[in-house]
Protein backbone atom coordinates (compact mmCIF):
# COMPACT_ATOMS: atom_id res chain seq x y z
CA UNK A 1 0.00 0.00 0.00
CA UNK A 2 2.79 2.39 0.99
CA UNK A 3 4.63 1.48 -2.19
CA UNK A 4 1.57 2.36 -4.27
CA UNK A 5 1.19 5.68 -2.45
CA UNK A 6 4.89 6.50 -3.06
CA UNK A 7 4.60 5.59 -6.73
CA UNK A 8 1.47 7.77 -7.04
CA UNK A 9 3.13 10.74 -5.38
CA UNK A 10 6.18 10.34 -7.62
CA UNK A 11 3.95 10.32 -10.70
CA UNK A 12 2.24 13.50 -9.56
CA UNK A 13 5.61 15.20 -8.96
CA UNK A 14 6.87 14.21 -12.39
CA UNK A 15 3.69 15.40 -14.08
CA UNK A 16 3.84 18.74 -12.25
CA UNK A 17 7.50 19.11 -13.24
CA UNK A 18 6.60 18.53 -16.86
CA UNK A 19 3.91 21.21 -16.70
CA UNK A 20 6.39 23.70 -15.17
CA UNK A 21 8.92 22.85 -17.89
CA UNK A 22 6.33 23.48 -20.60
CA UNK A 23 5.35 26.74 -18.95
CA UNK A 24 8.97 27.89 -18.99
CA UNK A 25 9.23 26.96 -22.65
CA UNK A 26 6.22 29.17 -23.45
CA UNK A 27 7.39 32.08 -21.28
CA UNK A 28 7.62 35.50 -23.03
CA UNK A 29 11.42 35.57 -22.73
CA UNK A 30 11.80 34.46 -26.34
CA UNK A 31 9.04 36.89 -27.31
CA UNK A 32 10.96 39.74 -25.65
CA UNK A 33 14.14 38.89 -27.52
CA UNK A 34 12.16 38.60 -30.74
CA UNK A 35 10.50 41.96 -30.04
CA UNK A 36 13.88 43.50 -29.32
CA UNK A 37 15.19 42.13 -32.59
CA UNK A 38 12.12 43.45 -34.40
CA UNK A 39 12.50 46.84 -32.71
CA UNK A 40 16.19 46.93 -33.61
CA UNK A 41 15.44 46.10 -37.23
CA UNK A 42 12.78 48.81 -37.28
CA UNK A 43 15.16 51.45 -35.90
CA UNK A 44 18.28 50.61 -37.90
CA UNK A 45 16.96 49.80 -41.39
CA UNK A 46 15.24 53.16 -42.11
CA UNK A 47 18.48 55.03 -41.28
CA UNK A 48 20.42 53.10 -43.89
CA UNK A 49 17.67 53.58 -46.47
CA UNK A 50 17.47 57.31 -45.71
CA UNK A 51 21.20 57.80 -46.33
CA UNK A 52 21.03 55.89 -49.57
CA UNK A 53 17.97 57.84 -50.70
CA UNK A 54 19.63 61.19 -49.91
CA UNK A 55 22.68 60.22 -51.95
CA UNK A 56 20.53 59.10 -54.88
CA UNK A 57 18.52 62.33 -54.79
CA UNK A 58 21.67 64.46 -54.96
CA UNK A 59 22.86 62.56 -58.02
CA UNK A 60 19.46 62.93 -59.70
CA UNK A 61 19.79 66.72 -59.50
CA UNK A 62 22.92 66.63 -61.69
CA UNK A 63 22.42 66.64 -65.45
CA UNK A 64 25.82 65.02 -66.03
CA UNK A 65 27.70 62.28 -64.25
CA UNK A 66 30.65 63.34 -62.10
CA UNK A 67 34.02 62.57 -63.72
CA UNK A 68 36.27 60.05 -61.98
CA UNK A 69 38.94 62.65 -61.28
CA UNK A 70 36.58 65.09 -59.54
CA UNK A 71 37.92 66.02 -56.12
CA UNK A 72 35.80 65.46 -53.02
CA UNK A 73 33.12 67.97 -52.11
CA UNK A 74 34.37 70.80 -49.91
CA UNK A 75 37.69 71.09 -51.79
CA UNK A 76 38.18 74.82 -52.32
CA UNK A 77 41.97 75.36 -52.38
CA UNK A 78 42.46 73.19 -55.49
CA UNK A 79 40.86 73.00 -58.92
CA UNK A 80 37.89 70.68 -59.05
CA UNK A 81 39.32 68.12 -61.45
CA UNK A 82 42.84 66.76 -61.23
CA UNK A 83 43.34 67.02 -65.00
CA UNK A 84 44.53 70.22 -66.70
CA UNK A 85 42.05 72.95 -67.55
CA UNK A 86 40.94 72.84 -71.20
CA UNK A 87 42.53 75.23 -73.65
CA UNK A 88 40.18 78.08 -74.50
CA UNK A 89 40.44 80.47 -77.41
CA UNK A 90 39.50 84.12 -76.66
CA UNK A 91 37.27 84.06 -79.74
CA UNK A 92 35.41 80.80 -79.03
CA UNK A 93 31.65 81.03 -79.56
CA UNK A 94 30.59 77.45 -78.82
CA UNK A 95 31.14 77.43 -75.05
CA UNK A 96 28.43 77.21 -72.37
CA UNK A 97 28.65 77.41 -68.61
CA UNK A 98 25.84 75.23 -67.26
CA UNK A 99 24.96 75.56 -63.56
CA UNK A 100 22.97 73.00 -61.57
CA UNK A 101 21.82 74.75 -58.37
CA UNK A 102 20.53 71.68 -56.53
CA UNK A 103 23.27 69.49 -57.96
CA UNK A 104 25.96 71.93 -56.73
CA UNK A 105 27.92 71.67 -59.96
CA UNK A 106 29.01 74.01 -62.76
CA UNK A 107 29.89 72.47 -66.12
CA UNK A 108 31.86 73.90 -69.00
CA UNK A 109 30.51 72.59 -72.29
CA UNK A 110 31.92 72.86 -75.79
CA UNK A 111 29.38 72.17 -78.54
CA UNK A 112 27.11 70.58 -75.92
CA UNK A 113 29.75 68.22 -74.53
CA UNK A 114 31.12 68.57 -70.98
CA UNK A 115 34.85 69.29 -71.01
CA UNK A 116 35.27 70.31 -67.38
CA UNK A 117 33.23 69.92 -64.16
CA UNK A 118 33.48 72.24 -61.15
CA UNK A 119 32.23 71.99 -57.60
CA UNK A 120 29.96 74.96 -56.94
CA UNK A 121 27.48 76.46 -54.50
CA UNK A 122 24.51 78.56 -55.56
CA UNK A 123 21.87 80.60 -53.80
CA UNK A 124 19.98 79.40 -50.74
CA UNK A 125 16.50 78.04 -51.45
CA UNK A 126 13.67 79.90 -49.72
CA UNK A 127 10.10 78.61 -50.11
CA UNK A 128 11.27 76.33 -52.90
CA UNK A 129 13.01 79.09 -54.89
CA UNK A 130 16.74 79.79 -55.09
CA UNK A 131 18.19 83.24 -54.48
CA UNK A 132 20.07 82.63 -57.72
CA UNK A 133 17.88 83.50 -60.71
CA UNK A 134 17.46 80.74 -63.28
CA UNK A 135 17.53 81.29 -67.02
CA UNK A 136 20.00 82.02 -69.83
CA UNK A 137 22.60 84.78 -69.47
CA UNK A 138 25.98 85.83 -70.86
CA UNK A 139 29.40 86.49 -69.40
CA UNK A 140 29.82 90.27 -69.13
CA UNK A 141 32.79 92.63 -69.24
CA UNK A 142 32.78 93.00 -65.47
CA UNK A 143 35.65 91.14 -63.80
CA UNK A 144 37.87 91.77 -60.82
CA UNK A 145 40.35 90.42 -58.28
CA UNK A 146 38.18 90.92 -55.20
CA UNK A 147 35.18 92.69 -53.64
CA UNK A 148 33.53 93.08 -50.24
CA UNK A 149 29.86 93.69 -49.53
CA UNK A 150 29.62 95.58 -46.23
CA UNK A 151 25.86 95.12 -46.05
CA UNK A 152 26.25 91.34 -46.14
CA UNK A 153 29.58 91.29 -44.28
CA UNK A 154 30.98 89.05 -46.99
CA UNK A 155 33.31 89.27 -49.95
CA UNK A 156 35.12 87.05 -52.45
CA UNK A 157 37.99 86.90 -54.91
CA UNK A 158 38.23 86.38 -58.68
CA UNK A 159 34.79 87.55 -59.74
CA UNK A 160 33.24 87.37 -63.21
CA UNK A 161 29.83 88.89 -63.91
CA UNK A 162 27.03 87.09 -65.73
CA UNK A 163 24.45 89.85 -65.24
CA UNK A 164 24.56 93.28 -66.93
CA UNK A 165 24.44 95.14 -63.60
CA UNK A 166 27.27 93.07 -62.07
CA UNK A 167 24.96 91.89 -59.29
CA UNK A 168 25.28 88.18 -60.00
CA UNK A 169 28.74 86.70 -60.34
CA UNK A 170 30.93 83.66 -60.50
CA UNK A 171 33.48 84.07 -57.71
CA UNK A 172 35.58 82.23 -55.15
CA UNK A 173 34.31 80.84 -51.88
CA UNK A 174 33.50 83.79 -49.55
CA UNK A 175 35.96 85.89 -47.58
CA UNK A 176 35.53 87.68 -44.27
CA UNK A 177 36.23 91.32 -43.46
CA UNK A 178 39.92 90.63 -42.81
CA UNK A 179 40.34 88.98 -46.22
CA UNK A 180 40.59 85.42 -44.91
CA UNK A 181 38.30 82.72 -46.24
CA UNK A 182 35.19 81.78 -44.28
CA UNK A 183 35.89 78.13 -43.50
CA UNK A 184 32.33 77.41 -42.40
CA UNK A 185 31.13 78.47 -45.85
CA UNK A 186 33.97 76.86 -47.81
CA UNK A 187 32.87 73.47 -46.45
CA UNK A 188 29.57 73.84 -48.38
CA UNK A 189 31.29 73.90 -51.78
CA UNK A 190 29.84 71.17 -53.98
CA UNK A 191 27.70 69.90 -51.08
CA UNK A 192 24.82 72.32 -50.61
CA UNK A 193 23.53 75.82 -51.31
CA UNK A 194 24.73 78.80 -49.32
CA UNK A 195 25.13 82.03 -51.31
CA UNK A 196 23.00 85.17 -51.58
CA UNK A 197 22.64 84.59 -55.32
CA UNK A 198 26.12 84.33 -56.83
CA UNK A 199 27.82 81.08 -57.87
CA UNK A 200 30.71 80.13 -55.61
CA UNK A 201 33.65 78.16 -56.95
CA UNK A 202 37.01 76.97 -55.66
CA UNK A 203 39.75 79.60 -55.63
CA UNK A 204 41.60 78.16 -58.69
CA UNK A 205 38.37 77.55 -60.66
CA UNK A 206 37.12 81.09 -60.08
CA UNK A 207 40.45 82.56 -61.21
CA UNK A 208 40.55 80.35 -64.28
CA UNK A 209 37.07 81.48 -65.34
CA UNK A 210 38.01 85.12 -64.74
CA UNK A 211 41.18 84.76 -66.82
CA UNK A 212 39.97 82.50 -69.64
CA UNK A 213 36.22 82.48 -70.34
CA UNK A 214 35.43 84.96 -73.18
CA UNK A 215 32.86 87.74 -72.87
CA UNK A 216 29.55 86.70 -74.38
CA UNK A 217 29.88 83.05 -73.32
CA UNK A 218 26.42 81.60 -72.68
CA UNK A 219 25.49 80.88 -69.06
CA UNK A 220 22.55 78.53 -68.42
CA UNK A 221 21.32 78.25 -64.83
CA UNK A 222 18.74 75.66 -63.78
CA UNK A 223 17.62 74.15 -60.50
CA UNK A 224 18.75 70.72 -61.67
């Protein structure tokens, strides 16, 4: 009789242990880890996609593909491409300077073909419109080594006008009142917009345009 009672108790203990084991196996611990993994995937994946999307959008704004020898964005002490500047005749009539405001690039074309690409920064966009006017213009007679706008507290070197009143220019990255370059603004070159309407270029690029691009050269400025 005692043996039967002991065997019965043992069976009950084993059965209860099995139930506890099953309960542990169904506990929400695995659910928590799964939720954490799901939460992690939800928080990390969109960031990667956002970066990729931003990069793709920037490239879409450019009408021409960047050349392989184009220096990295923000390079303002050196010319934009590592190759030599193209040879330009003072009497050439088939040149065009094409500006992409949102693409942050300025292209020199000869007979419609890009022969040099420059990092550039155009006017800030306000309410969807750039401070740089879009349209077709021409390089004017106005050129100079430097200027400073006291109202804006900003100047630049190597300027070339593309508007009859010399208001809108191609020029170097901006300078401060003491003549030094504004490093906060130079970092924007080729990356984003930042000017009050002019087209900023690297120091060598702006000087090359001032010295070599003939008067009357067509200038085409578009958002993209």
